[in-house]
Amino acid sequence: MATAGVAPPQVTGADGLGPVRLPVDSETYKYDDWTISYTKSHILKSVCVNDNQCVAGDEGCCELCVYNFALDLPHLPDMVFHRNVLRLSHSSGATLEFRPIDALKLVRNEKLDLKVACSEEWRESRPEAAETTDKVKHFDWSFTTEYSGTTNERLRVEPTDQRIDTFKLMQREPILFYHDLTLFEDELHDHGISLLSVKVRVMPSGFYILQRFFLRVDNVLIRINETRFHYEKGNNYLLKEFTHREAKVEQLKHVPPALFTDPNEIAQQLPVIRKVNEKLTIVEPGA
């Protein structure tokens, strides 16, 4: 049964025109021994509300500075949905979460192999990035991340020969619960898109999660990192599949350009560079 979250009280601003704080959208669904919930809200502010006087670890530190202190990046994506979180909690205490800050921690601060004209234009649009040290200049402006969720010690992760049964997932079943969350997005200074999102779908037989990082650098490259999770009702484990696909645009001459903007369609046209299959086993208390 799904229950809608209760939005926090809205405080009207001094101008009387609207609330100071946007309401947070949240929902919870109970399935088997799992509690599936999400929180969704507005994007992270682009300026420090404390006039750049925030101190790391201080209770009054603003949300932007919390991100800046946690991440070694000269610039954040245009849109960071910092409060958007998908969380799955098992009765054993095992948890699986999808959080934008954890995803951005995996963006590498090193020289980017991708050499395109728009990277220089992107830097010029952000002078604060261009004026920093050589270390920061090696920042991956594509925000590529191989993040695949955050687990706690109650989920044991190990390689496996088991595979997600895609044919079973294709069977027609009622959708008991569904949600799609964006974690961050950047338009690469109008030269493409970098987007991280996560979807969850609950059926009578189990649940399925797809987290996707989609990068399109116009006229240069398309990259997709996908992580799939499948849980079948009654099991004490989830199966996980991470797939990295990419191709240069010049390798996709046979593909209609209209498909370049559709991750679902273009993913089928990209070669698989790397695939990792893992099993996440629930560790019961006392085990």
Protein backbone atom coordinates (compact mmCIF):
# COMPACT_ATOMS: atom_id res chain seq x y z
CA MET A 1 0.00 0.00 0.00
CA ALA A 2 1.35 3.38 -0.98
CA THR A 3 1.06 6.36 1.30
CA ALA A 4 1.60 9.91 0.21
CA GLY A 5 4.16 11.86 2.20
CA VAL A 6 3.13 14.87 4.20
CA ALA A 7 4.57 18.12 2.90
CA PRO A 8 6.21 20.41 5.46
CA PRO A 9 4.33 23.57 6.44
CA GLN A 10 4.61 26.37 3.88
CA VAL A 11 5.85 29.68 5.21
CA THR A 12 4.72 32.68 3.19
CA GLY A 13 7.41 35.17 2.27
CA ALA A 14 7.39 38.81 3.30
CA ASP A 15 6.06 39.81 -0.12
CA GLY A 16 3.05 37.56 0.40
CA LEU A 17 3.48 36.08 -3.08
CA GLY A 18 4.33 32.50 -2.20
CA PRO A 19 6.06 30.02 0.08
CA VAL A 20 9.66 30.48 1.11
CA ARG A 21 10.25 26.72 0.94
CA LEU A 22 8.94 24.40 -1.75
CA PRO A 23 7.03 21.35 -0.50
CA VAL A 24 8.83 18.02 -0.60
CA ASP A 25 7.11 15.22 -2.49
CA SER A 26 7.50 11.78 -0.92
CA GLU A 27 5.85 8.37 -0.99
CA THR A 28 6.33 4.99 0.66
CA TYR A 29 5.36 1.53 -0.54
CA LYS A 30 5.52 -1.73 1.45
CA TYR A 31 6.40 -4.85 -0.51
CA ASP A 32 7.28 -8.26 0.90
CA ASP A 33 9.93 -7.50 3.58
CA TRP A 34 10.92 -4.27 1.84
CA THR A 35 9.95 -0.64 2.34
CA ILE A 36 10.45 1.39 -0.83
CA SER A 37 10.38 5.17 -0.53
CA TYR A 38 11.42 8.25 -2.41
CA THR A 39 11.80 11.94 -1.70
CA LYS A 40 11.64 14.54 -4.46
CA SER A 41 12.17 18.30 -4.25
CA HIS A 42 13.64 21.36 -5.97
CA ILE A 43 17.18 21.83 -7.31
CA LEU A 44 20.15 22.89 -5.20
CA LYS A 45 20.63 26.65 -4.90
CA SER A 46 23.56 28.07 -6.90
CA VAL A 47 24.73 30.56 -4.24
CA CYS A 48 25.61 30.25 -0.58
CA VAL A 49 22.80 31.63 1.58
CA ASN A 50 25.33 32.52 4.30
CA ASP A 51 27.41 34.87 2.14
CA ASN A 52 30.16 32.27 1.74
CA GLN A 53 30.73 32.11 5.49
CA CYS A 54 29.79 28.44 5.89
CA VAL A 55 32.08 26.16 7.88
CA ALA A 56 32.41 22.47 7.07
CA GLY A 57 30.54 20.33 9.60
CA ASP A 58 28.77 23.30 11.14
CA GLU A 59 25.08 22.81 11.87
CA GLY A 60 24.21 26.01 10.00
CA CYS A 61 26.13 25.08 6.86
CA CYS A 62 23.93 25.65 3.80
CA GLU A 63 23.07 22.82 1.42
CA LEU A 64 25.25 24.16 -1.40
CA CYS A 65 28.32 24.32 0.84
CA VAL A 66 27.62 20.83 2.19
CA TYR A 67 28.01 19.65 -1.40
CA ASN A 68 31.05 21.79 -2.10
CA PHE A 69 32.81 20.60 1.07
CA ALA A 70 31.99 16.95 0.29
CA LEU A 71 33.00 17.07 -3.38
CA ASP A 72 36.36 17.90 -4.92
CA LEU A 73 34.80 19.53 -7.98
CA PRO A 74 35.26 23.09 -9.29
CA HIS A 75 31.66 23.19 -10.45
CA LEU A 76 28.47 21.22 -9.91
CA PRO A 77 26.02 20.22 -12.64
CA ASP A 78 23.53 22.91 -13.68
CA MET A 79 20.77 21.05 -11.86
CA VAL A 80 21.47 18.95 -8.78
CA PHE A 81 18.33 17.53 -7.21
CA HIS A 82 20.06 17.22 -3.86
CA ARG A 83 16.99 16.04 -1.93
CA ASN A 84 15.94 13.45 -4.51
CA VAL A 85 16.57 10.04 -2.95
CA LEU A 86 15.28 6.56 -3.69
CA ARG A 87 15.63 4.25 -0.70
CA LEU A 88 14.90 0.54 -0.26
CA SER A 89 14.97 -0.81 3.31
CA HIS A 90 14.69 -4.49 4.22
CA SER A 91 13.30 -5.69 7.55
CA SER A 92 16.78 -7.08 8.34
CA GLY A 93 18.23 -3.57 8.25
CA ALA A 94 19.74 -3.90 4.77
CA THR A 95 19.45 -0.72 2.70
CA LEU A 96 20.00 0.29 -0.91
CA GLU A 97 19.89 4.01 -1.72
CA PHE A 98 20.38 6.23 -4.74
CA ARG A 99 21.70 9.68 -3.81
CA PRO A 100 23.10 12.44 -6.06
CA ILE A 101 25.93 13.38 -3.69
CA ASP A 102 27.28 9.82 -3.70
CA ALA A 103 27.08 9.72 -7.49
CA LEU A 104 29.02 12.98 -7.85
CA LYS A 105 31.73 11.71 -5.51
CA LEU A 106 32.69 9.29 -8.30
CA VAL A 107 33.22 12.03 -10.90
CA ARG A 108 36.96 11.96 -11.52
CA ASN A 109 39.21 14.97 -11.02
CA GLU A 110 41.71 14.09 -13.70
CA LYS A 111 42.56 14.94 -17.27
CA LEU A 112 39.65 14.07 -19.52
CA ASP A 113 40.50 11.99 -22.59
CA LEU A 114 37.53 13.46 -24.42
CA LYS A 115 38.86 16.37 -26.50
CA VAL A 116 36.14 18.51 -28.00
CA ALA A 117 35.71 22.16 -28.80
CA CYS A 118 32.75 22.52 -26.48
CA SER A 119 34.90 21.67 -23.48
CA GLU A 120 36.78 24.93 -23.89
CA GLU A 121 33.54 26.86 -24.37
CA TRP A 122 32.18 25.17 -21.27
CA ARG A 123 35.23 26.31 -19.28
CA GLU A 124 34.92 29.85 -20.61
CA SER A 125 31.32 29.93 -19.42
CA ARG A 126 32.55 29.14 -15.89
CA PRO A 127 35.48 31.47 -15.20
CA GLU A 128 35.79 30.24 -11.62
CA ALA A 129 36.79 26.83 -13.00
CA ALA A 130 39.37 28.31 -15.39
CA GLU A 131 41.09 30.32 -12.64
CA THR A 132 41.76 27.41 -10.30
CA THR A 133 44.76 25.12 -9.94
CA ASP A 134 46.00 22.56 -12.48
CA LYS A 135 44.36 19.83 -10.42
CA VAL A 136 40.96 21.41 -10.83
CA LYS A 137 41.55 22.07 -14.53
CA HIS A 138 41.60 18.30 -15.00
CA PHE A 139 37.99 18.12 -13.85
CA ASP A 140 35.72 15.79 -15.84
CA TRP A 141 33.24 18.33 -17.20
CA SER A 142 31.03 15.51 -18.56
CA PHE A 143 30.17 14.46 -14.97
CA THR A 144 30.59 10.82 -15.98
CA THR A 145 29.94 8.54 -13.00
CA GLU A 146 29.89 4.79 -12.55
CA TYR A 147 27.82 5.12 -9.40
CA SER A 148 25.49 2.17 -8.92
CA GLY A 149 23.77 2.80 -5.62
CA THR A 150 24.79 3.00 -1.96
CA THR A 151 24.52 -0.09 0.25
CA ASN A 152 25.11 -0.72 3.94
CA GLU A 153 26.83 -3.63 5.68
CA ARG A 154 23.63 -5.72 5.64
CA LEU A 155 24.02 -6.33 1.89
CA ARG A 156 26.95 -8.56 0.94
CA VAL A 157 28.09 -7.77 -2.61
CA GLU A 158 29.98 -10.43 -4.58
CA PRO A 159 30.52 -11.48 -8.21
CA THR A 160 28.03 -13.98 -9.61
CA ASP A 161 27.32 -16.15 -12.62
CA GLN A 162 23.60 -15.60 -12.13
CA ARG A 163 21.92 -13.26 -14.58
CA ILE A 164 18.83 -11.09 -14.43
CA ASP A 165 16.00 -12.92 -16.21
CA THR A 166 15.01 -10.29 -18.79
CA PHE A 167 12.34 -12.56 -20.28
CA LYS A 168 10.62 -12.78 -16.91
CA LEU A 169 10.73 -8.98 -16.63
CA MET A 170 9.05 -8.71 -20.04
CA GLN A 171 6.02 -10.71 -18.89
CA ARG A 172 2.84 -8.70 -18.43
CA GLU A 173 2.19 -7.94 -14.78
CA PRO A 174 0.27 -5.25 -12.92
CA ILE A 175 2.46 -2.32 -11.87
CA LEU A 176 1.91 -1.92 -8.13
CA PHE A 177 4.26 1.02 -7.70
CA TYR A 178 6.43 3.11 -10.03
CA HIS A 179 8.54 6.22 -9.82
CA ASP A 180 11.21 8.00 -11.86
CA LEU A 181 13.68 10.37 -10.19
CA THR A 182 16.28 12.67 -11.71
CA LEU A 183 19.40 12.99 -9.55
CA PHE A 184 21.36 15.54 -11.60
CA GLU A 185 21.45 17.08 -15.06
CA ASP A 186 23.77 19.37 -17.02
CA GLU A 187 23.34 20.66 -20.58
CA LEU A 188 27.11 20.95 -21.20
CA HIS A 189 26.77 24.59 -22.20
CA ASP A 190 24.16 23.69 -24.85
CA HIS A 191 26.44 21.08 -26.42
CA GLY A 192 24.62 17.99 -25.22
CA ILE A 193 23.42 16.53 -21.96
CA SER A 194 24.70 14.71 -18.88
CA LEU A 195 21.86 13.11 -16.94
CA LEU A 196 21.61 10.67 -14.04
CA SER A 197 18.22 9.18 -13.19
CA VAL A 198 16.77 6.17 -11.40
CA LYS A 199 13.48 4.32 -11.87
CA VAL A 200 11.79 1.73 -9.69
CA ARG A 201 8.97 -0.62 -10.72
CA VAL A 202 7.19 -3.00 -8.35
CA MET A 203 5.21 -5.99 -9.65
CA PRO A 204 3.54 -8.89 -7.81
CA SER A 205 6.58 -11.08 -8.60
CA GLY A 206 9.23 -8.63 -7.39
CA PHE A 207 10.76 -5.25 -8.13
CA TYR A 208 13.11 -3.85 -10.75
CA ILE A 209 15.38 -0.80 -10.60
CA LEU A 210 17.13 0.92 -13.48
CA GLN A 211 19.66 3.64 -12.80
CA ARG A 212 21.00 5.31 -15.94
CA PHE A 213 23.75 7.81 -16.63
CA PHE A 214 23.28 9.27 -20.12
CA LEU A 215 25.93 11.44 -21.76
CA ARG A 216 25.56 12.96 -25.21
CA VAL A 217 28.26 15.33 -26.45
CA ASP A 218 26.78 16.66 -29.69
CA ASN A 219 28.58 15.44 -32.81
CA VAL A 220 31.21 13.72 -30.68
CA LEU A 221 30.16 10.88 -28.38
CA ILE A 222 27.32 9.05 -26.65
CA ARG A 223 27.89 7.15 -23.40
CA ILE A 224 25.45 5.21 -21.24
CA ASN A 225 26.15 3.59 -17.87
CA GLU A 226 23.22 1.48 -16.71
CA THR A 227 22.77 -0.42 -13.46
CA ARG A 228 19.89 -2.85 -13.14
CA PHE A 229 18.66 -4.53 -9.97
CA HIS A 230 16.09 -7.32 -9.84
CA TYR A 231 14.52 -8.80 -6.74
CA GLU A 232 12.20 -11.81 -6.96
CA LYS A 233 9.65 -12.25 -4.18
CA GLY A 234 10.85 -14.62 -1.46
CA ASN A 235 14.56 -14.46 -2.33
CA ASN A 236 17.19 -13.30 0.15
CA TYR A 237 19.19 -11.51 -2.55
CA LEU A 238 19.05 -9.07 -5.46
CA LEU A 239 20.81 -9.50 -8.78
CA LYS A 240 22.73 -6.52 -10.12
CA GLU A 241 24.02 -5.81 -13.62
CA PHE A 242 26.24 -2.83 -14.50
CA THR A 243 26.77 -2.09 -18.22
CA HIS A 244 28.97 0.57 -19.79
CA ARG A 245 28.20 1.43 -23.42
CA GLU A 246 29.62 4.15 -25.62
CA ALA A 247 30.45 5.09 -29.20
CA LYS A 248 31.74 8.07 -31.09
CA VAL A 249 29.13 9.70 -33.29
CA GLU A 250 31.19 8.89 -36.37
CA GLN A 251 30.65 5.21 -35.53
CA LEU A 252 26.87 5.70 -35.58
CA LYS A 253 26.41 6.81 -39.18
CA HIS A 254 23.88 4.02 -39.69
CA VAL A 255 21.70 5.33 -36.85
CA PRO A 256 19.08 8.05 -37.49
CA PRO A 257 20.20 11.18 -35.57
CA ALA A 258 16.68 11.48 -34.15
CA LEU A 259 17.51 8.51 -31.91
CA PHE A 260 20.51 10.27 -30.36
CA THR A 261 18.27 12.10 -27.89
CA ASP A 262 16.40 8.96 -26.77
CA PRO A 263 18.44 6.89 -24.27
CA ASN A 264 16.09 3.90 -24.59
CA GLU A 265 16.57 3.74 -28.36
CA ILE A 266 20.22 4.69 -28.71
CA ALA A 267 21.32 2.27 -25.98
CA GLN A 268 20.52 -0.60 -28.34
CA GLN A 269 22.94 0.83 -30.91
CA LEU A 270 25.93 1.31 -28.61
CA PRO A 271 28.57 -1.41 -28.18
CA VAL A 272 29.06 -2.84 -24.70
CA ILE A 273 32.47 -1.82 -23.37
CA ARG A 274 32.20 -3.44 -19.95
CA LYS A 275 29.69 -5.50 -17.98
CA VAL A 276 29.75 -6.53 -14.31
CA ASN A 277 27.30 -8.95 -12.68
CA GLU A 278 26.94 -9.08 -8.91
CA LYS A 279 24.73 -10.61 -6.26
CA LEU A 280 23.62 -8.59 -3.23
CA THR A 281 22.77 -11.04 -0.44
CA ILE A 282 20.84 -9.91 2.61
CA VAL A 283 22.81 -10.49 5.83
CA GLU A 284 20.36 -11.22 8.62
CA PRO A 285 21.09 -9.92 12.15
CA GLY A 286 23.33 -12.31 14.04
CA ALA A 287 24.58 -14.00 10.87
